[in-house]
Amino acid sequence: MIHTIKLSILCACLAGFHCLTSSCKGKSSPSTQAAESGDKFGAARPKIVVERPEHHFGNVTVGDSLVHSFVVRNSGTQKLVINGVVETCNCTEATPKDREIAAGASTTVELRYRPNGITGPDRQSVTLRTNDPENPELPLIIEANVAPDIMFEPDTLHLIVDDPIRRKQVARLTGRVFGGRIPMPGPAWRWS
């Protein structure tokens, strides 16, 4: 019995060595081929690609309504499916033109951004959820420098009524008209 087991192991080792050195060389299973090519998921799969996943709107004003279209491409060999869109705040809304993208095809995702009350640098993201096994969630990022709708210069005004030297103070109120900034006629307040 012991000799039979040893003989079986010896035959299996010789067969494996023969396969490595002769007729089996160069032949491999699909899973081995995928591992050798570096693709752990095999050859047939979707692959999401966004060349520019970030966009900077520049200087904007509270209340502006801005739109940017991101180009989403499927560089894989199977259909890419956008399963969902996750937005980080109520100031963004993303709408994919197509939810299913054929292999080699592309579509756009229109992202609307409306800064609502946040001033200064703002960074928001929208995440696309897909069936790409390597990249199931892909963030699309937008940035902007948000200016307030109305600005005061100076931003702090001290009202000193009892000081005889500083009896006159001037403040300027700047508003927004047709998307640009213009000073309102004359100083907003004068008192003496």
N, C-alpha and C. Protein backbone atom coordinates (compact mmCIF):
# COMPACT_ATOMS: atom_id res chain seq x y z
N MET A 1 0.83 -1.19 0.00
CA MET A 1 0.00 0.00 0.00
C MET A 1 0.87 1.25 0.00
N ILE A 2 1.90 1.29 0.86
CA ILE A 2 2.79 2.43 0.94
C ILE A 2 3.53 2.60 -0.37
N HIS A 3 3.94 1.48 -1.01
CA HIS A 3 4.65 1.56 -2.29
C HIS A 3 3.73 2.10 -3.38
N THR A 4 2.43 1.77 -3.31
CA THR A 4 1.47 2.23 -4.31
C THR A 4 1.28 3.75 -4.21
N ILE A 5 1.20 4.28 -3.01
CA ILE A 5 1.04 5.72 -2.82
C ILE A 5 2.29 6.45 -3.30
N LYS A 6 3.48 5.94 -2.94
CA LYS A 6 4.72 6.57 -3.37
C LYS A 6 4.84 6.55 -4.88
N LEU A 7 4.45 5.42 -5.49
CA LEU A 7 4.51 5.30 -6.95
C LEU A 7 3.54 6.27 -7.61
N SER A 8 2.34 6.45 -7.02
CA SER A 8 1.35 7.40 -7.57
C SER A 8 1.88 8.83 -7.49
N ILE A 9 2.50 9.18 -6.38
CA ILE A 9 3.05 10.53 -6.22
C ILE A 9 4.19 10.74 -7.21
N LEU A 10 5.04 9.74 -7.38
CA LEU A 10 6.15 9.84 -8.31
C LEU A 10 5.64 10.01 -9.75
N CYS A 11 4.60 9.26 -10.13
CA CYS A 11 4.03 9.37 -11.48
C CYS A 11 3.41 10.76 -11.70
N ALA A 12 2.73 11.29 -10.70
CA ALA A 12 2.12 12.61 -10.81
C ALA A 12 3.19 13.69 -10.97
N CYS A 13 4.27 13.58 -10.22
CA CYS A 13 5.37 14.54 -10.33
C CYS A 13 6.02 14.47 -11.70
N LEU A 14 6.25 13.28 -12.21
CA LEU A 14 6.86 13.13 -13.53
C LEU A 14 5.94 13.67 -14.62
N ALA A 15 4.65 13.43 -14.49
CA ALA A 15 3.70 13.93 -15.49
C ALA A 15 3.68 15.47 -15.46
N GLY A 16 3.73 16.04 -14.28
CA GLY A 16 3.76 17.50 -14.16
C GLY A 16 5.04 18.08 -14.75
N PHE A 17 6.18 17.43 -14.49
CA PHE A 17 7.45 17.89 -15.04
C PHE A 17 7.43 17.79 -16.56
N HIS A 18 6.89 16.70 -17.09
CA HIS A 18 6.81 16.50 -18.54
C HIS A 18 5.93 17.59 -19.18
N CYS A 19 4.84 17.91 -18.51
CA CYS A 19 3.92 18.93 -19.03
C CYS A 19 4.60 20.30 -19.07
N LEU A 20 5.42 20.59 -18.05
CA LEU A 20 6.10 21.87 -18.01
C LEU A 20 7.19 21.99 -19.08
N THR A 21 7.81 20.88 -19.43
CA THR A 21 8.95 20.94 -20.35
C THR A 21 8.62 20.60 -21.79
N SER A 22 7.41 20.13 -22.08
CA SER A 22 7.16 19.72 -23.46
C SER A 22 5.81 20.19 -23.99
N SER A 23 4.93 19.26 -24.30
CA SER A 23 3.71 19.53 -25.05
C SER A 23 2.74 20.50 -24.38
N CYS A 24 2.72 20.60 -23.06
CA CYS A 24 1.78 21.50 -22.39
C CYS A 24 2.30 22.93 -22.32
N LYS A 25 3.58 23.12 -22.64
CA LYS A 25 4.18 24.44 -22.53
C LYS A 25 3.47 25.42 -23.47
N GLY A 26 3.13 26.62 -22.95
CA GLY A 26 2.46 27.63 -23.77
C GLY A 26 0.96 27.52 -23.72
N LYS A 27 0.42 26.42 -23.24
CA LYS A 27 -1.03 26.28 -23.12
C LYS A 27 -1.42 26.59 -21.69
N SER A 28 -2.44 27.42 -21.54
CA SER A 28 -2.89 27.74 -20.19
C SER A 28 -4.40 27.95 -20.20
N SER A 29 -4.95 27.88 -19.03
CA SER A 29 -6.39 28.05 -18.89
C SER A 29 -6.74 29.53 -19.00
N PRO A 30 -8.03 29.86 -19.25
CA PRO A 30 -8.42 31.26 -19.31
C PRO A 30 -8.09 32.03 -18.03
N SER A 31 -8.24 31.39 -16.86
CA SER A 31 -7.93 32.10 -15.62
C SER A 31 -6.44 32.36 -15.50
N THR A 32 -5.60 31.41 -15.97
CA THR A 32 -4.16 31.62 -15.96
C THR A 32 -3.78 32.72 -16.93
N GLN A 33 -4.42 32.74 -18.11
CA GLN A 33 -4.14 33.80 -19.08
C GLN A 33 -4.50 35.16 -18.51
N ALA A 34 -5.62 35.25 -17.82
CA ALA A 34 -6.03 36.53 -17.24
C ALA A 34 -5.03 36.96 -16.17
N ALA A 35 -4.56 36.00 -15.36
CA ALA A 35 -3.59 36.33 -14.33
C ALA A 35 -2.26 36.77 -14.95
N GLU A 36 -1.85 36.09 -16.04
CA GLU A 36 -0.60 36.45 -16.70
C GLU A 36 -0.70 37.82 -17.35
N SER A 37 -1.85 38.19 -17.87
CA SER A 37 -2.00 39.49 -18.52
C SER A 37 -2.19 40.62 -17.51
N GLY A 38 -2.30 40.29 -16.21
CA GLY A 38 -2.47 41.30 -15.19
C GLY A 38 -3.91 41.70 -14.96
N ASP A 39 -4.86 41.08 -15.63
CA ASP A 39 -6.28 41.42 -15.50
C ASP A 39 -6.92 40.38 -14.61
N LYS A 40 -7.14 40.72 -13.34
CA LYS A 40 -7.68 39.76 -12.39
C LYS A 40 -9.15 39.43 -12.61
N PHE A 41 -9.85 40.21 -13.47
CA PHE A 41 -11.27 39.98 -13.70
C PHE A 41 -11.53 39.29 -15.03
N GLY A 42 -10.49 38.94 -15.77
CA GLY A 42 -10.70 38.33 -17.08
C GLY A 42 -10.80 39.42 -18.14
N ALA A 43 -10.90 39.02 -19.38
CA ALA A 43 -10.85 39.98 -20.48
C ALA A 43 -12.17 40.70 -20.70
N ALA A 44 -13.29 40.04 -20.49
CA ALA A 44 -14.59 40.65 -20.81
C ALA A 44 -15.16 41.35 -19.58
N ARG A 45 -15.05 42.69 -19.56
CA ARG A 45 -15.59 43.46 -18.45
C ARG A 45 -15.74 44.92 -18.87
N PRO A 46 -16.60 45.69 -18.20
CA PRO A 46 -16.69 47.13 -18.48
C PRO A 46 -15.56 47.87 -17.78
N LYS A 47 -15.20 49.04 -18.29
CA LYS A 47 -14.17 49.86 -17.66
C LYS A 47 -14.53 51.33 -17.85
N ILE A 48 -14.84 52.02 -16.75
CA ILE A 48 -15.22 53.43 -16.82
C ILE A 48 -13.97 54.30 -16.89
N VAL A 49 -14.01 55.30 -17.78
CA VAL A 49 -12.91 56.25 -17.92
C VAL A 49 -13.50 57.65 -18.05
N VAL A 50 -13.01 58.56 -17.22
CA VAL A 50 -13.35 59.98 -17.34
C VAL A 50 -12.01 60.71 -17.43
N GLU A 51 -11.73 61.29 -18.59
CA GLU A 51 -10.43 61.94 -18.82
C GLU A 51 -10.19 63.09 -17.84
N ARG A 52 -11.22 63.89 -17.59
CA ARG A 52 -11.10 65.04 -16.67
C ARG A 52 -12.20 64.94 -15.62
N PRO A 53 -11.95 64.22 -14.51
CA PRO A 53 -12.99 64.05 -13.49
C PRO A 53 -13.17 65.25 -12.57
N GLU A 54 -12.39 66.33 -12.78
CA GLU A 54 -12.54 67.54 -11.97
C GLU A 54 -12.75 68.75 -12.88
N HIS A 55 -13.58 69.70 -12.40
CA HIS A 55 -13.83 70.92 -13.15
C HIS A 55 -13.88 72.09 -12.18
N HIS A 56 -13.21 73.20 -12.55
CA HIS A 56 -13.22 74.41 -11.72
C HIS A 56 -14.00 75.49 -12.47
N PHE A 57 -15.08 75.95 -11.87
CA PHE A 57 -15.92 76.98 -12.49
C PHE A 57 -15.29 78.37 -12.40
N GLY A 58 -14.32 78.57 -11.54
CA GLY A 58 -13.72 79.89 -11.38
C GLY A 58 -14.51 80.71 -10.38
N ASN A 59 -14.58 82.01 -10.61
CA ASN A 59 -15.29 82.92 -9.72
C ASN A 59 -16.77 82.94 -10.08
N VAL A 60 -17.60 82.64 -9.10
CA VAL A 60 -19.05 82.62 -9.29
C VAL A 60 -19.70 83.37 -8.14
N THR A 61 -21.00 83.58 -8.23
CA THR A 61 -21.74 84.31 -7.21
C THR A 61 -22.83 83.41 -6.63
N VAL A 62 -23.14 83.60 -5.37
CA VAL A 62 -24.23 82.87 -4.74
C VAL A 62 -25.48 83.03 -5.60
N GLY A 63 -26.15 81.93 -5.88
CA GLY A 63 -27.37 81.97 -6.68
C GLY A 63 -27.15 81.69 -8.15
N ASP A 64 -25.90 81.72 -8.63
CA ASP A 64 -25.64 81.38 -10.04
C ASP A 64 -26.07 79.94 -10.30
N SER A 65 -26.44 79.66 -11.52
CA SER A 65 -26.76 78.29 -11.94
C SER A 65 -25.75 77.91 -13.02
N LEU A 66 -24.90 76.94 -12.71
CA LEU A 66 -23.80 76.58 -13.60
C LEU A 66 -23.94 75.12 -14.03
N VAL A 67 -23.46 74.81 -15.25
CA VAL A 67 -23.56 73.46 -15.79
C VAL A 67 -22.22 73.08 -16.40
N HIS A 68 -21.80 71.83 -16.14
CA HIS A 68 -20.62 71.27 -16.81
C HIS A 68 -20.96 69.84 -17.22
N SER A 69 -20.52 69.46 -18.42
CA SER A 69 -20.74 68.09 -18.90
C SER A 69 -19.43 67.31 -18.84
N PHE A 70 -19.44 66.22 -18.08
CA PHE A 70 -18.30 65.30 -18.00
C PHE A 70 -18.50 64.22 -19.06
N VAL A 71 -17.45 63.87 -19.79
CA VAL A 71 -17.52 62.80 -20.79
C VAL A 71 -17.10 61.50 -20.11
N VAL A 72 -18.00 60.51 -20.16
CA VAL A 72 -17.77 59.20 -19.56
C VAL A 72 -17.66 58.19 -20.69
N ARG A 73 -16.53 57.44 -20.69
CA ARG A 73 -16.27 56.48 -21.76
C ARG A 73 -16.15 55.07 -21.17
N ASN A 74 -16.60 54.09 -21.93
CA ASN A 74 -16.44 52.69 -21.55
C ASN A 74 -15.32 52.11 -22.41
N SER A 75 -14.14 51.94 -21.83
CA SER A 75 -13.02 51.36 -22.57
C SER A 75 -12.93 49.86 -22.38
N GLY A 76 -13.95 49.26 -21.77
CA GLY A 76 -13.97 47.82 -21.57
C GLY A 76 -14.58 47.08 -22.75
N THR A 77 -14.85 45.80 -22.54
CA THR A 77 -15.39 44.96 -23.60
C THR A 77 -16.82 44.49 -23.33
N GLN A 78 -17.39 44.91 -22.21
CA GLN A 78 -18.78 44.63 -21.90
C GLN A 78 -19.50 45.95 -21.63
N LYS A 79 -20.82 45.91 -21.62
CA LYS A 79 -21.65 47.09 -21.39
C LYS A 79 -21.39 47.65 -19.99
N LEU A 80 -21.19 48.97 -19.92
CA LEU A 80 -21.04 49.67 -18.65
C LEU A 80 -22.40 50.20 -18.23
N VAL A 81 -22.77 49.98 -16.98
CA VAL A 81 -24.06 50.43 -16.46
C VAL A 81 -23.82 51.40 -15.31
N ILE A 82 -24.42 52.59 -15.41
CA ILE A 82 -24.40 53.54 -14.30
C ILE A 82 -25.63 53.21 -13.45
N ASN A 83 -25.36 52.58 -12.29
CA ASN A 83 -26.44 52.10 -11.42
C ASN A 83 -27.05 53.20 -10.57
N GLY A 84 -26.26 54.22 -10.26
CA GLY A 84 -26.77 55.27 -9.39
C GLY A 84 -25.86 56.47 -9.37
N VAL A 85 -26.39 57.57 -8.83
CA VAL A 85 -25.65 58.82 -8.68
C VAL A 85 -25.85 59.29 -7.25
N VAL A 86 -24.75 59.55 -6.54
CA VAL A 86 -24.81 60.02 -5.16
C VAL A 86 -24.29 61.45 -5.12
N GLU A 87 -25.13 62.37 -4.66
CA GLU A 87 -24.76 63.79 -4.59
C GLU A 87 -24.41 64.15 -3.16
N THR A 88 -23.42 65.04 -2.99
CA THR A 88 -22.95 65.39 -1.65
C THR A 88 -23.77 66.49 -0.99
N CYS A 89 -24.47 67.29 -1.78
CA CYS A 89 -25.28 68.35 -1.18
C CYS A 89 -26.45 68.67 -2.11
N ASN A 90 -27.36 69.51 -1.63
CA ASN A 90 -28.50 69.86 -2.47
C ASN A 90 -28.16 70.96 -3.47
N CYS A 91 -26.88 71.35 -3.54
CA CYS A 91 -26.45 72.36 -4.51
C CYS A 91 -25.98 71.72 -5.82
N THR A 92 -25.93 70.38 -5.89
CA THR A 92 -25.52 69.69 -7.11
C THR A 92 -26.62 68.74 -7.58
N GLU A 93 -26.66 68.54 -8.88
CA GLU A 93 -27.57 67.57 -9.48
C GLU A 93 -26.90 67.02 -10.73
N ALA A 94 -26.74 65.71 -10.79
CA ALA A 94 -26.08 65.07 -11.93
C ALA A 94 -27.08 64.23 -12.70
N THR A 95 -27.04 64.35 -14.04
CA THR A 95 -27.94 63.59 -14.90
C THR A 95 -27.14 62.93 -16.02
N PRO A 96 -27.01 61.59 -15.98
CA PRO A 96 -26.34 60.91 -17.10
C PRO A 96 -27.26 60.91 -18.32
N LYS A 97 -26.68 61.20 -19.49
CA LYS A 97 -27.47 61.16 -20.73
C LYS A 97 -27.94 59.74 -20.99
N ASP A 98 -27.04 58.77 -20.79
CA ASP A 98 -27.36 57.34 -20.94
C ASP A 98 -26.91 56.60 -19.70
N ARG A 99 -27.73 55.67 -19.24
CA ARG A 99 -27.36 54.85 -18.08
C ARG A 99 -26.56 53.62 -18.50
N GLU A 100 -26.71 53.19 -19.76
CA GLU A 100 -25.98 52.03 -20.27
C GLU A 100 -25.11 52.49 -21.43
N ILE A 101 -23.81 52.13 -21.36
CA ILE A 101 -22.84 52.55 -22.36
C ILE A 101 -22.19 51.31 -22.95
N ALA A 102 -22.34 51.14 -24.26
CA ALA A 102 -21.76 49.98 -24.94
C ALA A 102 -20.24 50.03 -24.88
N ALA A 103 -19.62 48.89 -25.07
CA ALA A 103 -18.16 48.81 -25.09
C ALA A 103 -17.61 49.73 -26.18
N GLY A 104 -16.65 50.58 -25.80
CA GLY A 104 -16.04 51.50 -26.74
C GLY A 104 -16.81 52.79 -26.95
N ALA A 105 -18.00 52.91 -26.38
CA ALA A 105 -18.84 54.10 -26.58
C ALA A 105 -18.66 55.07 -25.41
N SER A 106 -19.25 56.25 -25.56
CA SER A 106 -19.19 57.24 -24.48
C SER A 106 -20.52 57.98 -24.38
N THR A 107 -20.68 58.67 -23.26
CA THR A 107 -21.87 59.48 -23.01
C THR A 107 -21.44 60.68 -22.17
N THR A 108 -22.37 61.51 -21.81
CA THR A 108 -22.06 62.66 -20.95
C THR A 108 -22.89 62.58 -19.68
N VAL A 109 -22.32 63.15 -18.63
CA VAL A 109 -23.04 63.34 -17.37
C VAL A 109 -23.08 64.84 -17.14
N GLU A 110 -24.28 65.40 -17.18
CA GLU A 110 -24.45 66.84 -16.99
C GLU A 110 -24.57 67.11 -15.50
N LEU A 111 -23.67 67.95 -14.98
CA LEU A 111 -23.68 68.29 -13.57
C LEU A 111 -24.07 69.76 -13.41
N ARG A 112 -25.16 69.99 -12.69
CA ARG A 112 -25.64 71.34 -12.40
C ARG A 112 -25.20 71.71 -10.99
N TYR A 113 -24.71 72.93 -10.86
CA TYR A 113 -24.21 73.42 -9.58
C TYR A 113 -24.82 74.79 -9.31
N ARG A 114 -25.42 74.94 -8.14
CA ARG A 114 -26.01 76.22 -7.75
C ARG A 114 -25.57 76.51 -6.31
N PRO A 115 -24.52 77.37 -6.16
CA PRO A 115 -24.07 77.69 -4.80
C PRO A 115 -25.16 78.43 -4.06
N ASN A 116 -25.51 77.93 -2.89
CA ASN A 116 -26.64 78.50 -2.15
C ASN A 116 -26.26 78.82 -0.71
N GLY A 117 -25.60 79.95 -0.55
CA GLY A 117 -25.30 80.39 0.80
C GLY A 117 -23.87 80.16 1.24
N ILE A 118 -23.11 79.36 0.51
CA ILE A 118 -21.72 79.13 0.85
C ILE A 118 -20.89 80.18 0.12
N THR A 119 -19.99 80.85 0.83
CA THR A 119 -19.09 81.79 0.16
C THR A 119 -17.65 81.34 0.40
N GLY A 120 -16.78 81.76 -0.51
CA GLY A 120 -15.39 81.36 -0.45
C GLY A 120 -15.16 80.14 -1.32
N PRO A 121 -14.01 79.48 -1.15
CA PRO A 121 -13.73 78.28 -1.95
C PRO A 121 -14.73 77.17 -1.62
N ASP A 122 -15.26 76.53 -2.64
CA ASP A 122 -16.23 75.45 -2.45
C ASP A 122 -15.83 74.27 -3.33
N ARG A 123 -15.91 73.08 -2.78
CA ARG A 123 -15.58 71.84 -3.50
C ARG A 123 -16.68 70.83 -3.20
N GLN A 124 -17.32 70.34 -4.26
CA GLN A 124 -18.40 69.37 -4.12
C GLN A 124 -18.11 68.19 -5.04
N SER A 125 -18.73 67.07 -4.75
CA SER A 125 -18.55 65.90 -5.62
C SER A 125 -19.87 65.17 -5.82
N VAL A 126 -19.92 64.47 -6.93
CA VAL A 126 -21.03 63.58 -7.27
C VAL A 126 -20.37 62.25 -7.60
N THR A 127 -20.86 61.16 -7.03
CA THR A 127 -20.27 59.85 -7.25
C THR A 127 -21.15 59.02 -8.17
N LEU A 128 -20.53 58.48 -9.23
CA LEU A 128 -21.22 57.56 -10.13
C LEU A 128 -20.98 56.14 -9.64
N ARG A 129 -22.06 55.39 -9.47
CA ARG A 129 -21.95 53.97 -9.10
C ARG A 129 -22.16 53.15 -10.37
N THR A 130 -21.18 52.25 -10.66
CA THR A 130 -21.21 51.50 -11.91
C THR A 130 -20.97 50.02 -11.67
N ASN A 131 -21.04 49.26 -12.77
CA ASN A 131 -20.76 47.83 -12.70
C ASN A 131 -19.31 47.53 -13.07
N ASP A 132 -18.43 48.52 -13.13
CA ASP A 132 -17.01 48.30 -13.37
C ASP A 132 -16.42 47.63 -12.13
N PRO A 133 -15.92 46.40 -12.23
CA PRO A 133 -15.44 45.70 -11.04
C PRO A 133 -14.19 46.34 -10.42
N GLU A 134 -13.39 47.04 -11.20
CA GLU A 134 -12.20 47.70 -10.65
C GLU A 134 -12.51 49.07 -10.07
N ASN A 135 -13.54 49.73 -10.58
CA ASN A 135 -13.86 51.09 -10.17
C ASN A 135 -15.38 51.23 -10.02
N PRO A 136 -15.98 50.61 -9.00
CA PRO A 136 -17.44 50.64 -8.88
C PRO A 136 -17.99 52.01 -8.50
N GLU A 137 -17.16 52.89 -7.93
CA GLU A 137 -17.60 54.25 -7.58
C GLU A 137 -16.57 55.24 -8.10
N LEU A 138 -17.04 56.19 -8.92
CA LEU A 138 -16.14 57.19 -9.50
C LEU A 138 -16.65 58.58 -9.15
N PRO A 139 -15.86 59.37 -8.39
CA PRO A 139 -16.30 60.72 -8.05
C PRO A 139 -16.02 61.71 -9.19
N LEU A 140 -16.97 62.61 -9.42
CA LEU A 140 -16.80 63.74 -10.31
C LEU A 140 -16.78 64.97 -9.40
N ILE A 141 -15.75 65.80 -9.52
CA ILE A 141 -15.53 66.88 -8.57
C ILE A 141 -15.65 68.24 -9.26
N ILE A 142 -16.34 69.16 -8.59
CA ILE A 142 -16.42 70.54 -9.08
C ILE A 142 -15.91 71.46 -7.98
N GLU A 143 -15.31 72.56 -8.42
CA GLU A 143 -14.82 73.56 -7.50
C GLU A 143 -15.21 74.94 -8.00
N ALA A 144 -15.30 75.90 -7.08
CA ALA A 144 -15.62 77.28 -7.45
C ALA A 144 -15.19 78.20 -6.32
N ASN A 145 -14.94 79.44 -6.67
CA ASN A 145 -14.74 80.51 -5.69
C ASN A 145 -16.04 81.29 -5.65
N VAL A 146 -16.78 81.16 -4.57
CA VAL A 146 -18.12 81.73 -4.48
C VAL A 146 -18.08 83.07 -3.76
N ALA A 147 -18.52 84.12 -4.47
CA ALA A 147 -18.60 85.46 -3.89
C ALA A 147 -20.03 85.69 -3.41
N PRO A 148 -20.20 86.47 -2.36
CA PRO A 148 -21.56 86.75 -1.89
C PRO A 148 -22.33 87.61 -2.88
N ASP A 149 -23.62 87.57 -2.78
CA ASP A 149 -24.50 88.35 -3.65
C ASP A 149 -24.37 89.85 -3.38
N ILE A 150 -24.18 90.20 -2.11
CA ILE A 150 -24.03 91.60 -1.71
C ILE A 150 -22.79 91.69 -0.83
N MET A 151 -21.96 92.71 -1.09
CA MET A 151 -20.75 92.90 -0.29
C MET A 151 -20.75 94.30 0.31
N PHE A 152 -20.23 94.42 1.52
CA PHE A 152 -20.06 95.70 2.18
C PHE A 152 -18.57 96.01 2.24
N GLU A 153 -18.21 97.26 1.95
CA GLU A 153 -16.82 97.69 2.09
C GLU A 153 -16.80 98.92 2.98
N PRO A 154 -16.19 98.92 4.07
CA PRO A 154 -15.53 97.79 4.72
C PRO A 154 -16.56 96.81 5.26
N ASP A 155 -16.09 95.61 5.55
CA ASP A 155 -17.05 94.58 5.99
C ASP A 155 -17.55 94.84 7.41
N THR A 156 -16.85 95.69 8.17
CA THR A 156 -17.30 96.07 9.51
C THR A 156 -17.41 97.59 9.56
N LEU A 157 -18.50 98.08 10.07
CA LEU A 157 -18.73 99.52 10.16
C LEU A 157 -19.00 99.87 11.62
N HIS A 158 -18.16 100.75 12.17
CA HIS A 158 -18.31 101.15 13.56
C HIS A 158 -19.05 102.49 13.59
N LEU A 159 -20.14 102.55 14.27
CA LEU A 159 -20.93 103.77 14.38
C LEU A 159 -20.55 104.47 15.69
N ILE A 160 -19.79 105.53 15.57
CA ILE A 160 -19.35 106.28 16.74
C ILE A 160 -20.01 107.64 16.65
N VAL A 161 -21.01 107.85 17.45
CA VAL A 161 -21.80 109.08 17.39
C VAL A 161 -21.19 110.18 18.26
N ASP A 162 -20.55 109.84 19.36
CA ASP A 162 -20.07 110.83 20.32
C ASP A 162 -18.66 111.35 20.00
N ASP A 163 -18.00 110.86 18.98
CA ASP A 163 -16.64 111.28 18.66
C ASP A 163 -16.67 112.48 17.72
N PRO A 164 -16.26 113.69 18.15
CA PRO A 164 -16.36 114.88 17.30
C PRO A 164 -15.40 114.82 16.12
N ILE A 165 -14.31 114.07 16.22
CA ILE A 165 -13.35 114.00 15.11
C ILE A 165 -13.85 113.07 14.00
N ARG A 166 -14.43 111.97 14.36
CA ARG A 166 -14.89 110.97 13.38
C ARG A 166 -16.40 111.01 13.26
N ARG A 167 -16.94 112.12 12.90
CA ARG A 167 -18.39 112.25 12.81
C ARG A 167 -18.93 111.77 11.48
N LYS A 168 -18.07 111.68 10.48
CA LYS A 168 -18.54 111.31 9.16
C LYS A 168 -17.93 109.96 8.78
N GLN A 169 -18.77 108.98 8.42
CA GLN A 169 -18.29 107.68 7.97
C GLN A 169 -18.97 107.33 6.66
N VAL A 170 -18.25 106.64 5.81
CA VAL A 170 -18.79 106.26 4.51
C VAL A 170 -18.70 104.75 4.38
N ALA A 171 -19.78 104.18 3.90
CA ALA A 171 -19.80 102.74 3.61
C ALA A 171 -20.29 102.56 2.19
N ARG A 172 -19.82 101.51 1.54
CA ARG A 172 -20.25 101.23 0.17
C ARG A 172 -20.90 99.84 0.14
N LEU A 173 -22.01 99.76 -0.53
CA LEU A 173 -22.73 98.51 -0.72
C LEU A 173 -22.61 98.15 -2.19
N THR A 174 -22.09 96.97 -2.45
CA THR A 174 -21.91 96.52 -3.84
C THR A 174 -22.90 95.40 -4.09
N GLY A 175 -23.63 95.51 -5.18
CA GLY A 175 -24.62 94.49 -5.51
C GLY A 175 -24.32 93.85 -6.85
N ARG A 176 -25.13 92.93 -7.23
CA ARG A 176 -24.94 92.17 -8.46
C ARG A 176 -26.06 92.52 -9.43
N VAL A 177 -25.68 92.84 -10.66
CA VAL A 177 -26.66 93.13 -11.70
C VAL A 177 -26.25 92.38 -12.95
N PHE A 178 -27.11 91.53 -13.47
CA PHE A 178 -26.86 90.76 -14.69
C PHE A 178 -25.55 89.99 -14.64
N GLY A 179 -25.26 89.38 -13.51
CA GLY A 179 -24.10 88.52 -13.39
C GLY A 179 -22.79 89.25 -13.14
N GLY A 180 -22.76 90.57 -13.15
CA GLY A 180 -21.54 91.31 -12.89
C GLY A 180 -21.68 92.13 -11.63
N ARG A 181 -20.61 92.73 -11.19
CA ARG A 181 -20.65 93.54 -9.99
C ARG A 181 -20.57 95.00 -10.40
N ILE A 182 -21.48 95.80 -9.90
CA ILE A 182 -21.40 97.25 -10.10
C ILE A 182 -21.69 97.91 -8.77
N PRO A 183 -21.01 99.01 -8.49
CA PRO A 183 -21.34 99.70 -7.25
C PRO A 183 -22.67 100.42 -7.39
N MET A 184 -23.44 100.41 -6.34
CA MET A 184 -24.70 101.14 -6.37
C MET A 184 -24.39 102.64 -6.37
N PRO A 185 -25.25 103.48 -6.94
CA PRO A 185 -24.94 104.90 -7.07
C PRO A 185 -24.66 105.55 -5.72
N GLY A 186 -23.48 106.16 -5.61
CA GLY A 186 -23.12 106.89 -4.40
C GLY A 186 -22.93 105.98 -3.21
N PRO A 187 -22.43 106.53 -2.13
CA PRO A 187 -22.31 105.74 -0.91
C PRO A 187 -23.69 105.32 -0.42
N ALA A 188 -23.75 104.16 0.15
CA ALA A 188 -25.03 103.64 0.61
C ALA A 188 -25.54 104.43 1.80
N TRP A 189 -24.66 104.82 2.71
CA TRP A 189 -25.08 105.58 3.87
C TRP A 189 -24.10 106.71 4.13
N ARG A 190 -24.64 107.79 4.54
CA ARG A 190 -23.80 108.90 5.03
C ARG A 190 -24.50 109.47 6.25
N TRP A 191 -23.74 109.70 7.25
CA TRP A 191 -24.31 110.39 8.40
C TRP A 191 -23.23 111.31 8.98
N SER A 192 -23.69 112.33 9.60
CA SER A 192 -22.73 113.28 10.18
C SER A 192 -23.24 113.78 11.52
